[in-house]
Amino acid sequence: MLSAAADCPFLPRDLIARLADACGTDQAELALAASGAQTHPVIGLWPVGMRDHLRHAPVTNDIRKVTRFTARDTVASVTRPRVPLDPFFNANTAADPAEAERLAALDD
């Protein structure tokens, strides 16, 4: 299952394929996206078999951070460059939609 933040307008078209390839190459249980030196733990490919553990982690084990949850697993990473555009840019502030428009124009 792919998870991704809804405020990331530039997710790469080949994201799922690259995450799946990374799982196979690294013999990892799951794969997370990264750009530059920053991991984006909300953007990842997860095995469906992990759903029960993931569902109970925040309630039973008080695990609320994705990186804390994944610390026990073998995790592959798919890193993309941030230049000319961070593919995992997210719009969190009132100014970010305008920045997204500016960045989208660079990609044309």
PDB file of N, CA and C in Angstrom:
ATOM      1  N   MET A   1       0.843  -1.158   0.000  1.00  0.00           N
ATOM      2  CA  MET A   1       0.000   0.000   0.000  1.00  0.00           C
ATOM      3  C   MET A   1       0.897   1.233   0.000  1.00  0.00           C
ATOM      4  N   LEU A   2       0.546   2.207  -0.819  1.00  0.00           N
ATOM      5  CA  LEU A   2       1.292   3.458  -0.850  1.00  0.00           C
ATOM      6  C   LEU A   2       0.652   4.448   0.110  1.00  0.00           C
ATOM      7  N   SER A   3       1.471   5.122   0.890  1.00  0.00           N
ATOM      8  CA  SER A   3       0.982   6.254   1.686  1.00  0.00           C
ATOM      9  C   SER A   3       1.701   7.494   1.178  1.00  0.00           C
ATOM     10  N   ALA A   4       0.965   8.596   1.118  1.00  0.00           N
ATOM     11  CA  ALA A   4       1.547   9.854   0.664  1.00  0.00           C
ATOM     12  C   ALA A   4       0.767  11.005   1.279  1.00  0.00           C
ATOM     13  N   ALA A   5       1.456  12.082   1.542  1.00  0.00           N
ATOM     14  CA  ALA A   5       0.805  13.275   2.079  1.00  0.00           C
ATOM     15  C   ALA A   5      -0.031  13.923   0.976  1.00  0.00           C
ATOM     16  N   ALA A   6      -1.198  14.400   1.341  1.00  0.00           N
ATOM     17  CA  ALA A   6      -2.096  15.020   0.361  1.00  0.00           C
ATOM     18  C   ALA A   6      -1.608  16.387  -0.094  1.00  0.00           C
ATOM     19  N   ASP A   7      -0.650  16.966   0.625  1.00  0.00           N
ATOM     20  CA  ASP A   7      -0.170  18.296   0.274  1.00  0.00           C
ATOM     21  C   ASP A   7       1.170  18.268  -0.471  1.00  0.00           C
ATOM     22  N   CYS A   8       1.435  17.187  -1.175  1.00  0.00           N
ATOM     23  CA  CYS A   8       2.661  17.043  -1.976  1.00  0.00           C
ATOM     24  C   CYS A   8       2.286  17.025  -3.458  1.00  0.00           C
ATOM     25  N   PRO A   9       2.314  18.164  -4.127  1.00  0.00           N
ATOM     26  CA  PRO A   9       1.834  18.227  -5.509  1.00  0.00           C
ATOM     27  C   PRO A   9       2.790  17.685  -6.566  1.00  0.00           C
ATOM     28  N   PHE A  10       4.031  17.358  -6.200  1.00  0.00           N
ATOM     29  CA  PHE A  10       5.017  16.984  -7.205  1.00  0.00           C
ATOM     30  C   PHE A  10       5.515  15.545  -7.077  1.00  0.00           C
ATOM     31  N   LEU A  11       4.707  14.656  -6.526  1.00  0.00           N
ATOM     32  CA  LEU A  11       5.144  13.264  -6.381  1.00  0.00           C
ATOM     33  C   LEU A  11       5.531  12.702  -7.750  1.00  0.00           C
ATOM     34  N   PRO A  12       6.665  12.018  -7.831  1.00  0.00           N
ATOM     35  CA  PRO A  12       7.118  11.470  -9.116  1.00  0.00           C
ATOM     36  C   PRO A  12       6.171  10.387  -9.638  1.00  0.00           C
ATOM     37  N   ARG A  13       6.011  10.342 -10.928  1.00  0.00           N
ATOM     38  CA  ARG A  13       5.132   9.338 -11.554  1.00  0.00           C
ATOM     39  C   ARG A  13       5.638   7.918 -11.325  1.00  0.00           C
ATOM     40  N   ASP A  14       6.938   7.751 -11.188  1.00  0.00           N
ATOM     41  CA  ASP A  14       7.509   6.422 -11.001  1.00  0.00           C
ATOM     42  C   ASP A  14       7.743   6.071  -9.527  1.00  0.00           C
ATOM     43  N   LEU A  15       7.114   6.809  -8.623  1.00  0.00           N
ATOM     44  CA  LEU A  15       7.351   6.628  -7.190  1.00  0.00           C
ATOM     45  C   LEU A  15       7.070   5.198  -6.732  1.00  0.00           C
ATOM     46  N   ILE A  16       5.921   4.652  -7.076  1.00  0.00           N
ATOM     47  CA  ILE A  16       5.569   3.307  -6.617  1.00  0.00           C
ATOM     48  C   ILE A  16       6.565   2.282  -7.156  1.00  0.00           C
ATOM     49  N   ALA A  17       6.896   2.368  -8.415  1.00  0.00           N
ATOM     50  CA  ALA A  17       7.843   1.420  -9.012  1.00  0.00           C
ATOM     51  C   ALA A  17       9.205   1.505  -8.340  1.00  0.00           C
ATOM     52  N   ARG A  18       9.669   2.726  -8.076  1.00  0.00           N
ATOM     53  CA  ARG A  18      10.993   2.885  -7.441  1.00  0.00           C
ATOM     54  C   ARG A  18      10.987   2.385  -6.003  1.00  0.00           C
ATOM     55  N   LEU A  19       9.897   2.642  -5.277  1.00  0.00           N
ATOM     56  CA  LEU A  19       9.796   2.129  -3.903  1.00  0.00           C
ATOM     57  C   LEU A  19       9.767   0.600  -3.902  1.00  0.00           C
ATOM     58  N   ALA A  20       9.006   0.014  -4.810  1.00  0.00           N
ATOM     59  CA  ALA A  20       8.931  -1.451  -4.900  1.00  0.00           C
ATOM     60  C   ALA A  20      10.286  -2.042  -5.274  1.00  0.00           C
ATOM     61  N   ASP A  21      10.974  -1.423  -6.224  1.00  0.00           N
ATOM     62  CA  ASP A  21      12.308  -1.892  -6.609  1.00  0.00           C
ATOM     63  C   ASP A  21      13.269  -1.837  -5.430  1.00  0.00           C
ATOM     64  N   ALA A  22      13.196  -0.760  -4.655  1.00  0.00           N
ATOM     65  CA  ALA A  22      14.082  -0.610  -3.501  1.00  0.00           C
ATOM     66  C   ALA A  22      13.824  -1.696  -2.468  1.00  0.00           C
ATOM     67  N   CYS A  23      12.566  -2.051  -2.254  1.00  0.00           N
ATOM     68  CA  CYS A  23      12.246  -3.138  -1.313  1.00  0.00           C
ATOM     69  C   CYS A  23      12.907  -4.432  -1.767  1.00  0.00           C
ATOM     70  N   GLY A  24      12.804  -4.727  -3.052  1.00  0.00           N
ATOM     71  CA  GLY A  24      13.397  -5.955  -3.574  1.00  0.00           C
ATOM     72  C   GLY A  24      14.906  -5.935  -3.525  1.00  0.00           C
ATOM     73  N   THR A  25      15.500  -4.843  -3.952  1.00  0.00           N
ATOM     74  CA  THR A  25      16.958  -4.727  -3.991  1.00  0.00           C
ATOM     75  C   THR A  25      17.560  -4.796  -2.592  1.00  0.00           C
ATOM     76  N   ASP A  26      16.946  -4.101  -1.649  1.00  0.00           N
ATOM     77  CA  ASP A  26      17.476  -4.054  -0.280  1.00  0.00           C
ATOM     78  C   ASP A  26      16.901  -5.140   0.614  1.00  0.00           C
ATOM     79  N   GLN A  27      16.048  -6.003   0.061  1.00  0.00           N
ATOM     80  CA  GLN A  27      15.351  -7.037   0.839  1.00  0.00           C
ATOM     81  C   GLN A  27      14.717  -6.419   2.081  1.00  0.00           C
ATOM     82  N   ALA A  28      14.015  -5.318   1.859  1.00  0.00           N
ATOM     83  CA  ALA A  28      13.403  -4.557   2.945  1.00  0.00           C
ATOM     84  C   ALA A  28      11.906  -4.839   3.018  1.00  0.00           C
ATOM     85  N   GLU A  29      11.363  -4.652   4.204  1.00  0.00           N
ATOM     86  CA  GLU A  29       9.929  -4.851   4.406  1.00  0.00           C
ATOM     87  C   GLU A  29       9.117  -3.689   3.856  1.00  0.00           C
ATOM     88  N   LEU A  30       9.700  -2.497   3.889  1.00  0.00           N
ATOM     89  CA  LEU A  30       9.005  -1.316   3.398  1.00  0.00           C
ATOM     90  C   LEU A  30      10.029  -0.337   2.855  1.00  0.00           C
ATOM     91  N   ALA A  31       9.534   0.647   2.115  1.00  0.00           N
ATOM     92  CA  ALA A  31      10.423   1.656   1.532  1.00  0.00           C
ATOM     93  C   ALA A  31       9.837   3.033   1.772  1.00  0.00           C
ATOM     94  N   LEU A  32      10.712   3.979   2.091  1.00  0.00           N
ATOM     95  CA  LEU A  32      10.304   5.358   2.335  1.00  0.00           C
ATOM     96  C   LEU A  32      11.014   6.294   1.356  1.00  0.00           C
ATOM     97  N   ALA A  33      10.365   7.406   1.067  1.00  0.00           N
ATOM     98  CA  ALA A  33      10.926   8.402   0.160  1.00  0.00           C
ATOM     99  C   ALA A  33      11.875   9.328   0.909  1.00  0.00           C
ATOM    100  N   ALA A  34      12.816   9.885   0.171  1.00  0.00           N
ATOM    101  CA  ALA A  34      13.744  10.871   0.731  1.00  0.00           C
ATOM    102  C   ALA A  34      14.125  11.840  -0.373  1.00  0.00           C
ATOM    103  N   SER A  35      14.490  13.048   0.042  1.00  0.00           N
ATOM    104  CA  SER A  35      15.063  14.016  -0.896  1.00  0.00           C
ATOM    105  C   SER A  35      16.199  14.701  -0.166  1.00  0.00           C
ATOM    106  N   GLY A  36      17.320  14.780  -0.858  1.00  0.00           N
ATOM    107  CA  GLY A  36      18.500  15.271  -0.170  1.00  0.00           C
ATOM    108  C   GLY A  36      18.803  14.328   0.984  1.00  0.00           C
ATOM    109  N   ALA A  37      19.036  14.874   2.150  1.00  0.00           N
ATOM    110  CA  ALA A  37      19.311  14.070   3.336  1.00  0.00           C
ATOM    111  C   ALA A  37      18.071  13.887   4.219  1.00  0.00           C
ATOM    112  N   GLN A  38      16.914  14.306   3.747  1.00  0.00           N
ATOM    113  CA  GLN A  38      15.689  14.265   4.552  1.00  0.00           C
ATOM    114  C   GLN A  38      14.785  13.112   4.131  1.00  0.00           C
ATOM    115  N   THR A  39      14.459  12.249   5.091  1.00  0.00           N
ATOM    116  CA  THR A  39      13.491  11.183   4.849  1.00  0.00           C
ATOM    117  C   THR A  39      12.095  11.751   5.017  1.00  0.00           C
ATOM    118  N   HIS A  40      11.193  11.281   4.175  1.00  0.00           N
ATOM    119  CA  HIS A  40       9.785  11.694   4.233  1.00  0.00           C
ATOM    120  C   HIS A  40       8.976  10.456   4.628  1.00  0.00           C
ATOM    121  N   PRO A  41       8.884  10.170   5.923  1.00  0.00           N
ATOM    122  CA  PRO A  41       8.312   8.898   6.372  1.00  0.00           C
ATOM    123  C   PRO A  41       6.828   8.716   6.075  1.00  0.00           C
ATOM    124  N   VAL A  42       6.121   9.766   5.751  1.00  0.00           N
ATOM    125  CA  VAL A  42       4.704   9.619   5.409  1.00  0.00           C
ATOM    126  C   VAL A  42       4.554   9.070   3.989  1.00  0.00           C
ATOM    127  N   ILE A  43       5.590   9.234   3.167  1.00  0.00           N
ATOM    128  CA  ILE A  43       5.547   8.783   1.782  1.00  0.00           C
ATOM    129  C   ILE A  43       6.295   7.455   1.699  1.00  0.00           C
ATOM    130  N   GLY A  44       5.537   6.379   1.581  1.00  0.00           N
ATOM    131  CA  GLY A  44       6.186   5.078   1.571  1.00  0.00           C
ATOM    132  C   GLY A  44       5.326   3.973   1.001  1.00  0.00           C
ATOM    133  N   LEU A  45       5.955   2.833   0.822  1.00  0.00           N
ATOM    134  CA  LEU A  45       5.290   1.626   0.346  1.00  0.00           C
ATOM    135  C   LEU A  45       5.326   0.625   1.486  1.00  0.00           C
ATOM    136  N   TRP A  46       4.152   0.195   1.903  1.00  0.00           N
ATOM    137  CA  TRP A  46       3.977  -0.636   3.094  1.00  0.00           C
ATOM    138  C   TRP A  46       3.357  -1.980   2.732  1.00  0.00           C
ATOM    139  N   PRO A  47       3.809  -3.058   3.368  1.00  0.00           N
ATOM    140  CA  PRO A  47       3.147  -4.337   3.131  1.00  0.00           C
ATOM    141  C   PRO A  47       1.789  -4.358   3.840  1.00  0.00           C
ATOM    142  N   VAL A  48       0.786  -4.861   3.160  1.00  0.00           N
ATOM    143  CA  VAL A  48      -0.556  -4.922   3.739  1.00  0.00           C
ATOM    144  C   VAL A  48      -0.553  -5.750   5.030  1.00  0.00           C
ATOM    145  N   GLY A  49       0.309  -6.740   5.116  1.00  0.00           N
ATOM    146  CA  GLY A  49       0.385  -7.581   6.311  1.00  0.00           C
ATOM    147  C   GLY A  49       0.779  -6.831   7.571  1.00  0.00           C
ATOM    148  N   MET A  50       1.259  -5.606   7.437  1.00  0.00           N
ATOM    149  CA  MET A  50       1.664  -4.798   8.580  1.00  0.00           C
ATOM    150  C   MET A  50       0.489  -4.004   9.162  1.00  0.00           C
ATOM    151  N   ARG A  51      -0.672  -4.087   8.541  1.00  0.00           N
ATOM    152  CA  ARG A  51      -1.800  -3.219   8.896  1.00  0.00           C
ATOM    153  C   ARG A  51      -2.239  -3.346  10.351  1.00  0.00           C
ATOM    154  N   ASP A  52      -2.310  -4.556  10.885  1.00  0.00           N
ATOM    155  CA  ASP A  52      -2.769  -4.702  12.269  1.00  0.00           C
ATOM    156  C   ASP A  52      -1.777  -4.080  13.250  1.00  0.00           C
ATOM    157  N   HIS A  53      -0.489  -4.326  13.015  1.00  0.00           N
ATOM    158  CA  HIS A  53       0.528  -3.737  13.889  1.00  0.00           C
ATOM    159  C   HIS A  53       0.486  -2.208  13.799  1.00  0.00           C
ATOM    160  N   LEU A  54       0.343  -1.694  12.596  1.00  0.00           N
ATOM    161  CA  LEU A  54       0.274  -0.244  12.391  1.00  0.00           C
ATOM    162  C   LEU A  54      -0.974   0.344  13.045  1.00  0.00           C
ATOM    163  N   ARG A  55      -2.082  -0.351  12.934  1.00  0.00           N
ATOM    164  CA  ARG A  55      -3.339   0.127  13.509  1.00  0.00           C
ATOM    165  C   ARG A  55      -3.253   0.218  15.041  1.00  0.00           C
ATOM    166  N   HIS A  56      -2.576  -0.732  15.663  1.00  0.00           N
ATOM    167  CA  HIS A  56      -2.512  -0.774  17.118  1.00  0.00           C
ATOM    168  C   HIS A  56      -1.346   0.016  17.716  1.00  0.00           C
ATOM    169  N   ALA A  57      -0.373   0.364  16.913  1.00  0.00           N
ATOM    170  CA  ALA A  57       0.821   1.055  17.426  1.00  0.00           C
ATOM    171  C   ALA A  57       0.503   2.326  18.204  1.00  0.00           C
ATOM    172  N   PRO A  58      -0.334   3.232  17.704  1.00  0.00           N
ATOM    173  CA  PRO A  58      -0.574   4.467  18.460  1.00  0.00           C
ATOM    174  C   PRO A  58      -1.375   4.242  19.742  1.00  0.00           C
ATOM    175  N   VAL A  59      -2.264   3.290  19.731  1.00  0.00           N
ATOM    176  CA  VAL A  59      -3.143   3.075  20.880  1.00  0.00           C
ATOM    177  C   VAL A  59      -2.489   2.192  21.931  1.00  0.00           C
ATOM    178  N   THR A  60      -2.001   1.052  21.522  1.00  0.00           N
ATOM    179  CA  THR A  60      -1.451   0.075  22.452  1.00  0.00           C
ATOM    180  C   THR A  60      -0.031   0.414  22.899  1.00  0.00           C
ATOM    181  N   ASN A  61       0.799   0.856  21.965  1.00  0.00           N
ATOM    182  CA  ASN A  61       2.221   1.083  22.254  1.00  0.00           C
ATOM    183  C   ASN A  61       2.621   2.550  22.333  1.00  0.00           C
ATOM    184  N   ASP A  62       1.666   3.461  22.210  1.00  0.00           N
ATOM    185  CA  ASP A  62       1.912   4.898  22.244  1.00  0.00           C
ATOM    186  C   ASP A  62       2.969   5.329  21.221  1.00  0.00           C
ATOM    187  N   ILE A  63       2.936   4.696  20.058  1.00  0.00           N
ATOM    188  CA  ILE A  63       3.852   5.043  18.957  1.00  0.00           C
ATOM    189  C   ILE A  63       3.088   5.912  17.977  1.00  0.00           C
ATOM    190  N   ARG A  64       3.499   7.174  17.878  1.00  0.00           N
ATOM    191  CA  ARG A  64       2.810   8.106  16.994  1.00  0.00           C
ATOM    192  C   ARG A  64       3.695   8.620  15.851  1.00  0.00           C
ATOM    193  N   LYS A  65       4.998   8.479  15.986  1.00  0.00           N
ATOM    194  CA  LYS A  65       5.910   8.917  14.926  1.00  0.00           C
ATOM    195  C   LYS A  65       6.189   7.752  13.989  1.00  0.00           C
ATOM    196  N   VAL A  66       6.096   8.013  12.699  1.00  0.00           N
ATOM    197  CA  VAL A  66       6.319   6.963  11.718  1.00  0.00           C
ATOM    198  C   VAL A  66       7.725   6.388  11.856  1.00  0.00           C
ATOM    199  N   THR A  67       8.726   7.238  12.056  1.00  0.00           N
ATOM    200  CA  THR A  67      10.105   6.744  12.154  1.00  0.00           C
ATOM    201  C   THR A  67      10.305   5.873  13.395  1.00  0.00           C
ATOM    202  N   ARG A  68       9.579   6.134  14.435  1.00  0.00           N
ATOM    203  CA  ARG A  68       9.656   5.275  15.628  1.00  0.00           C
ATOM    204  C   ARG A  68       9.015   3.920  15.328  1.00  0.00           C
ATOM    205  N   PHE A  69       7.931   3.939  14.586  1.00  0.00           N
ATOM    206  CA  PHE A  69       7.257   2.703  14.203  1.00  0.00           C
ATOM    207  C   PHE A  69       8.147   1.849  13.305  1.00  0.00           C
ATOM    208  N   THR A  70       8.829   2.479  12.356  1.00  0.00           N
ATOM    209  CA  THR A  70       9.636   1.738  11.382  1.00  0.00           C
ATOM    210  C   THR A  70      11.012   1.341  11.914  1.00  0.00           C
ATOM    211  N   ALA A  71      11.380   1.785  13.098  1.00  0.00           N
ATOM    212  CA  ALA A  71      12.716   1.507  13.633  1.00  0.00           C
ATOM    213  C   ALA A  71      12.986   0.014  13.786  1.00  0.00           C
ATOM    214  N   ARG A  72      11.961  -0.780  13.952  1.00  0.00           N
ATOM    215  CA  ARG A  72      12.147  -2.225  14.147  1.00  0.00           C
ATOM    216  C   ARG A  72      12.216  -2.990  12.821  1.00  0.00           C
ATOM    217  N   ASP A  73      11.960  -2.316  11.713  1.00  0.00           N
ATOM    218  CA  ASP A  73      11.885  -2.969  10.411  1.00  0.00           C
ATOM    219  C   ASP A  73      13.102  -2.664   9.543  1.00  0.00           C
ATOM    220  N   THR A  74      13.281  -3.480   8.520  1.00  0.00           N
ATOM    221  CA  THR A  74      14.264  -3.200   7.492  1.00  0.00           C
ATOM    222  C   THR A  74      13.598  -2.242   6.514  1.00  0.00           C
ATOM    223  N   VAL A  75      14.169  -1.049   6.370  1.00  0.00           N
ATOM    224  CA  VAL A  75      13.552   0.006   5.566  1.00  0.00           C
ATOM    225  C   VAL A  75      14.492   0.403   4.431  1.00  0.00           C
ATOM    226  N   ALA A  76      13.971   0.353   3.218  1.00  0.00           N
ATOM    227  CA  ALA A  76      14.714   0.854   2.061  1.00  0.00           C
ATOM    228  C   ALA A  76      14.392   2.332   1.890  1.00  0.00           C
ATOM    229  N   SER A  77      15.280   3.037   1.241  1.00  0.00           N
ATOM    230  CA  SER A  77      15.070   4.459   1.005  1.00  0.00           C
ATOM    231  C   SER A  77      15.243   4.756  -0.474  1.00  0.00           C
ATOM    232  N   VAL A  78      14.332   5.563  -1.009  1.00  0.00           N
ATOM    233  CA  VAL A  78      14.433   6.019  -2.392  1.00  0.00           C
ATOM    234  C   VAL A  78      14.668   7.519  -2.338  1.00  0.00           C
ATOM    235  N   THR A  79      15.875   7.925  -2.703  1.00  0.00           N
ATOM    236  CA  THR A  79      16.260   9.328  -2.601  1.00  0.00           C
ATOM    237  C   THR A  79      16.200  10.000  -3.962  1.00  0.00           C
ATOM    238  N   ARG A  80      15.552  11.140  -3.992  1.00  0.00           N
ATOM    239  CA  ARG A  80      15.472  11.961  -5.195  1.00  0.00           C
ATOM    240  C   ARG A  80      16.184  13.279  -4.914  1.00  0.00           C
ATOM    241  N   PRO A  81      16.768  13.899  -5.936  1.00  0.00           N
ATOM    242  CA  PRO A  81      17.411  15.200  -5.727  1.00  0.00           C
ATOM    243  C   PRO A  81      16.365  16.284  -5.462  1.00  0.00           C
ATOM    244  N   ARG A  82      16.775  17.319  -4.762  1.00  0.00           N
ATOM    245  CA  ARG A  82      15.898  18.462  -4.474  1.00  0.00           C
ATOM    246  C   ARG A  82      15.982  19.540  -5.552  1.00  0.00           C
ATOM    247  N   VAL A  83      16.927  19.399  -6.455  1.00  0.00           N
ATOM    248  CA  VAL A  83      17.146  20.404  -7.487  1.00  0.00           C
ATOM    249  C   VAL A  83      16.796  19.798  -8.830  1.00  0.00           C
ATOM    250  N   PRO A  84      16.080  20.445  -9.681  1.00  0.00           N
ATOM    251  CA  PRO A  84      15.610  21.812  -9.587  1.00  0.00           C
ATOM    252  C   PRO A  84      14.351  21.963  -8.738  1.00  0.00           C
ATOM    253  N   LEU A  85      13.766  20.835  -8.317  1.00  0.00           N
ATOM    254  CA  LEU A  85      12.498  20.874  -7.605  1.00  0.00           C
ATOM    255  C   LEU A  85      12.429  19.680  -6.670  1.00  0.00           C
ATOM    256  N   ASP A  86      12.108  19.931  -5.402  1.00  0.00           N
ATOM    257  CA  ASP A  86      11.959  18.838  -4.431  1.00  0.00           C
ATOM    258  C   ASP A  86      10.653  18.112  -4.745  1.00  0.00           C
ATOM    259  N   PRO A  87      10.728  16.839  -5.165  1.00  0.00           N
ATOM    260  CA  PRO A  87       9.505  16.128  -5.524  1.00  0.00           C
ATOM    261  C   PRO A  87       8.585  15.867  -4.329  1.00  0.00           C
ATOM    262  N   PHE A  88       9.108  16.077  -3.119  1.00  0.00           N
ATOM    263  CA  PHE A  88       8.320  15.837  -1.919  1.00  0.00           C
ATOM    264  C   PHE A  88       8.003  17.137  -1.184  1.00  0.00           C
ATOM    265  N   PHE A  89       8.083  18.248  -1.932  1.00  0.00           N
ATOM    266  CA  PHE A  89       7.672  19.557  -1.406  1.00  0.00           C
ATOM    267  C   PHE A  89       6.245  19.416  -0.887  1.00  0.00           C
ATOM    268  N   ASN A  90       5.986  19.987   0.289  1.00  0.00           N
ATOM    269  CA  ASN A  90       4.601  19.968   0.771  1.00  0.00           C
ATOM    270  C   ASN A  90       4.165  21.377   1.137  1.00  0.00           C
ATOM    271  N   ALA A  91       2.902  21.626   0.933  1.00  0.00           N
ATOM    272  CA  ALA A  91       2.314  22.946   1.150  1.00  0.00           C
ATOM    273  C   ALA A  91       1.679  22.987   2.536  1.00  0.00           C
ATOM    274  N   ASN A  92       2.377  23.608   3.474  1.00  0.00           N
ATOM    275  CA  ASN A  92       1.899  23.660   4.861  1.00  0.00           C
ATOM    276  C   ASN A  92       1.487  25.046   5.327  1.00  0.00           C
ATOM    277  N   THR A  93       1.959  26.080   4.651  1.00  0.00           N
ATOM    278  CA  THR A  93       1.669  27.444   5.084  1.00  0.00           C
ATOM    279  C   THR A  93       0.835  28.155   4.025  1.00  0.00           C
ATOM    280  N   ALA A  94       0.333  29.298   4.371  1.00  0.00           N
ATOM    281  CA  ALA A  94      -0.476  30.090   3.429  1.00  0.00           C
ATOM    282  C   ALA A  94       0.339  30.504   2.206  1.00  0.00           C
ATOM    283  N   ALA A  95       1.652  30.660   2.367  1.00  0.00           N
ATOM    284  CA  ALA A  95       2.505  31.072   1.253  1.00  0.00           C
ATOM    285  C   ALA A  95       2.896  29.903   0.344  1.00  0.00           C
ATOM    286  N   ASP A  96       2.762  28.684   0.812  1.00  0.00           N
ATOM    287  CA  ASP A  96       3.234  27.532   0.043  1.00  0.00           C
ATOM    288  C   ASP A  96       2.494  27.275  -1.268  1.00  0.00           C
ATOM    289  N   PRO A  97       1.187  27.500  -1.372  1.00  0.00           N
ATOM    290  CA  PRO A  97       0.556  27.305  -2.692  1.00  0.00           C
ATOM    291  C   PRO A  97       1.160  28.200  -3.782  1.00  0.00           C
ATOM    292  N   ALA A  98       1.487  29.417  -3.441  1.00  0.00           N
ATOM    293  CA  ALA A  98       2.126  30.303  -4.423  1.00  0.00           C
ATOM    294  C   ALA A  98       3.512  29.773  -4.790  1.00  0.00           C
ATOM    295  N   GLU A  99       4.238  29.249  -3.806  1.00  0.00           N
ATOM    296  CA  GLU A  99       5.547  28.667  -4.081  1.00  0.00           C
ATOM    297  C   GLU A  99       5.393  27.422  -4.967  1.00  0.00           C
ATOM    298  N   ALA A 100       4.371  26.640  -4.735  1.00  0.00           N
ATOM    299  CA  ALA A 100       4.117  25.465  -5.573  1.00  0.00           C
ATOM    300  C   ALA A 100       3.841  25.883  -7.019  1.00  0.00           C
ATOM    301  N   GLU A 101       3.083  26.948  -7.195  1.00  0.00           N
ATOM    302  CA  GLU A 101       2.817  27.461  -8.556  1.00  0.00           C
ATOM    303  C   GLU A 101       4.114  27.891  -9.237  1.00  0.00           C
ATOM    304  N   ARG A 102       4.965  28.562  -8.476  1.00  0.00           N
ATOM    305  CA  ARG A 102       6.246  29.013  -9.025  1.00  0.00           C
ATOM    306  C   ARG A 102       7.104  27.807  -9.433  1.00  0.00           C
ATOM    307  N   LEU A 103       7.152  26.803  -8.569  1.00  0.00           N
ATOM    308  CA  LEU A 103       7.945  25.609  -8.856  1.00  0.00           C
ATOM    309  C   LEU A 103       7.371  24.827 -10.045  1.00  0.00           C
ATOM    310  N   ALA A 104       6.060  24.763 -10.133  1.00  0.00           N
ATOM    311  CA  ALA A 104       5.425  24.060 -11.254  1.00  0.00           C
ATOM    312  C   ALA A 104       5.793  24.718 -12.573  1.00  0.00           C
ATOM    313  N   ALA A 105       5.910  26.028 -12.574  1.00  0.00           N
ATOM    314  CA  ALA A 105       6.284  26.749 -13.796  1.00  0.00           C
ATOM    315  C   ALA A 105       7.709  26.398 -14.221  1.00  0.00           C
ATOM    316  N   LEU A 106       8.585  26.082 -13.275  1.00  0.00           N
ATOM    317  CA  LEU A 106       9.948  25.695 -13.590  1.00  0.00           C
ATOM    318  C   LEU A 106       9.991  24.359 -14.311  1.00  0.00           C
ATOM    319  N   ASP A 107       9.017  23.504 -14.001  1.00  0.00           N
ATOM    320  CA  ASP A 107       8.993  22.143 -14.533  1.00  0.00           C
ATOM    321  C   ASP A 107       8.405  22.085 -15.936  1.00  0.00           C
ATOM    322  N   ASP A 108       7.794  23.176 -16.398  1.00  0.00           N
ATOM    323  CA  ASP A 108       7.168  23.183 -17.734  1.00  0.00           C
ATOM    324  C   ASP A 108       8.169  23.181 -18.852  1.00  0.00           C
TER     325      ASP A 108
END
